[in-house]
Amino acid sequence: MTVDYFQAIAPLALVLALIVGAAWLLKRLHQPRSDSATLMKVQASLSLGPRERIVLVEVAGQWLVVGVTAGQINSLLSVPAQPLPEADKTSFDKASFAQSWLERYRQPSL
């Protein structure tokens, strides 16, 4: 009786072990490099259309403004790297905006 259970569970355990091993190997192979090891860093990107964008890339203390299309990549500008401005941290409250909008348009116009 125990031999039957072993014959049924052993292949299942082997398959599960192979899945776990493959997941570990994929995770190990696709680890991102540390920031100190990267030579290029994308600082910002702006989409201009479905297949066009402008990208700000930092390379060796220089900022390169690059135009990227489906068929080519063009360097537009090169400047020394500078500290990036901080993003505006003010939160946008949708409820208060909607309430103020409704109050403004409920009042009769003069």
Protein backbone atom coordinates (compact mmCIF):
# COMPACT_ATOMS: atom_id res chain seq x y z
CA MET A 1 0.00 0.00 0.00
CA THR A 2 2.78 2.46 0.88
CA VAL A 3 4.59 1.54 -2.32
CA ASP A 4 1.55 2.72 -4.33
CA TYR A 5 1.59 6.10 -2.58
CA PHE A 6 5.31 6.47 -3.17
CA GLN A 7 4.90 5.66 -6.85
CA ALA A 8 2.19 8.32 -7.15
CA ILE A 9 3.89 11.04 -5.06
CA ALA A 10 7.50 10.67 -6.26
CA PRO A 11 6.88 11.95 -9.83
CA LEU A 12 4.78 14.82 -8.47
CA ALA A 13 7.55 15.80 -6.04
CA LEU A 14 10.11 15.60 -8.85
CA VAL A 15 8.05 17.91 -11.09
CA LEU A 16 7.53 20.40 -8.26
CA ALA A 17 11.26 20.36 -7.48
CA LEU A 18 12.05 21.02 -11.15
CA ILE A 19 9.64 23.97 -11.22
CA VAL A 20 11.14 25.48 -8.07
CA GLY A 21 14.66 24.94 -9.42
CA ALA A 22 13.82 26.54 -12.77
CA ALA A 23 12.23 29.56 -11.02
CA TRP A 24 15.31 29.99 -8.83
CA LEU A 25 17.61 29.74 -11.86
CA LEU A 26 15.60 32.31 -13.86
CA LYS A 27 15.56 34.69 -10.92
CA ARG A 28 19.31 34.27 -10.48
CA LEU A 29 20.08 34.86 -14.17
CA HIS A 30 17.85 37.93 -14.56
CA GLN A 31 18.92 39.95 -11.54
CA PRO A 32 19.36 43.64 -12.38
CA ARG A 33 22.84 45.02 -12.01
CA SER A 34 23.61 47.42 -9.22
CA ASP A 35 23.61 51.15 -9.98
CA SER A 36 27.38 51.33 -9.65
CA ALA A 37 27.86 48.77 -12.44
CA THR A 38 25.59 50.42 -15.00
CA LEU A 39 27.18 52.71 -17.57
CA MET A 40 23.94 54.26 -18.83
CA LYS A 41 20.86 55.39 -16.96
CA VAL A 42 17.56 56.60 -18.42
CA GLN A 43 16.64 59.74 -16.48
CA ALA A 44 13.40 60.65 -18.27
CA SER A 45 11.31 59.77 -21.29
CA LEU A 46 8.58 61.63 -23.17
CA SER A 47 6.27 59.96 -25.67
CA LEU A 48 5.59 62.03 -28.78
CA GLY A 49 3.48 59.49 -30.62
CA PRO A 50 2.83 55.78 -30.88
CA ARG A 51 6.39 55.00 -32.01
CA GLU A 52 8.31 58.20 -31.27
CA ARG A 53 9.82 59.42 -28.04
CA ILE A 54 12.50 61.67 -26.60
CA VAL A 55 14.73 60.09 -23.96
CA LEU A 56 17.15 61.73 -21.52
CA VAL A 57 20.07 59.33 -20.93
CA GLU A 58 22.95 59.86 -18.50
CA VAL A 59 26.29 58.47 -19.72
CA ALA A 60 29.59 59.13 -17.93
CA GLY A 61 28.50 62.43 -16.37
CA GLN A 62 26.87 63.68 -19.56
CA TRP A 63 23.19 63.94 -20.40
CA LEU A 64 22.24 62.93 -23.91
CA VAL A 65 18.86 63.95 -25.28
CA VAL A 66 18.00 61.25 -27.82
CA GLY A 67 15.16 61.05 -30.33
CA VAL A 68 13.93 57.49 -30.77
CA THR A 69 11.68 56.33 -33.61
CA ALA A 70 10.80 52.91 -34.98
CA GLY A 71 13.58 53.08 -37.55
CA GLN A 72 16.39 55.10 -35.97
CA ILE A 73 17.91 56.84 -32.96
CA ASN A 74 19.31 60.38 -33.21
CA SER A 75 21.33 62.33 -30.66
CA LEU A 76 19.69 65.75 -30.27
CA LEU A 77 21.70 67.42 -27.49
CA SER A 78 24.55 66.74 -25.08
CA VAL A 79 24.97 68.67 -21.80
CA PRO A 80 26.81 68.07 -18.50
CA ALA A 81 24.72 66.14 -15.97
CA GLN A 82 22.83 68.20 -13.39
CA PRO A 83 20.74 67.32 -10.36
CA LEU A 84 17.15 66.56 -11.32
CA PRO A 85 14.44 68.83 -9.88
CA GLU A 86 12.22 67.29 -7.22
CA ALA A 87 8.75 66.26 -8.34
CA ASP A 88 5.80 68.21 -6.96
CA LYS A 89 4.65 66.21 -3.95
CA THR A 90 1.29 67.97 -3.50
CA SER A 91 -1.51 65.47 -3.72
CA PHE A 92 -4.49 66.10 -5.93
CA ASP A 93 -7.76 65.51 -4.11
CA LYS A 94 -10.35 64.51 -6.71
CA ALA A 95 -13.27 64.80 -4.32
CA SER A 96 -12.52 68.40 -3.32
CA PHE A 97 -11.91 69.36 -6.96
CA ALA A 98 -15.24 67.87 -8.02
CA GLN A 99 -17.05 69.57 -5.12
CA SER A 100 -15.57 73.00 -5.93
CA TRP A 101 -16.40 72.53 -9.61
CA LEU A 102 -20.02 71.65 -8.79
CA GLU A 103 -20.39 74.64 -6.45
CA ARG A 104 -18.99 77.00 -9.05
CA TYR A 105 -21.39 75.83 -11.75
CA ARG A 106 -24.46 75.61 -9.51
CA GLN A 107 -24.32 79.32 -8.80
CA PRO A 108 -26.21 81.39 -11.35
CA SER A 109 -23.98 83.48 -13.56
CA LEU A 110 -24.24 87.28 -13.26
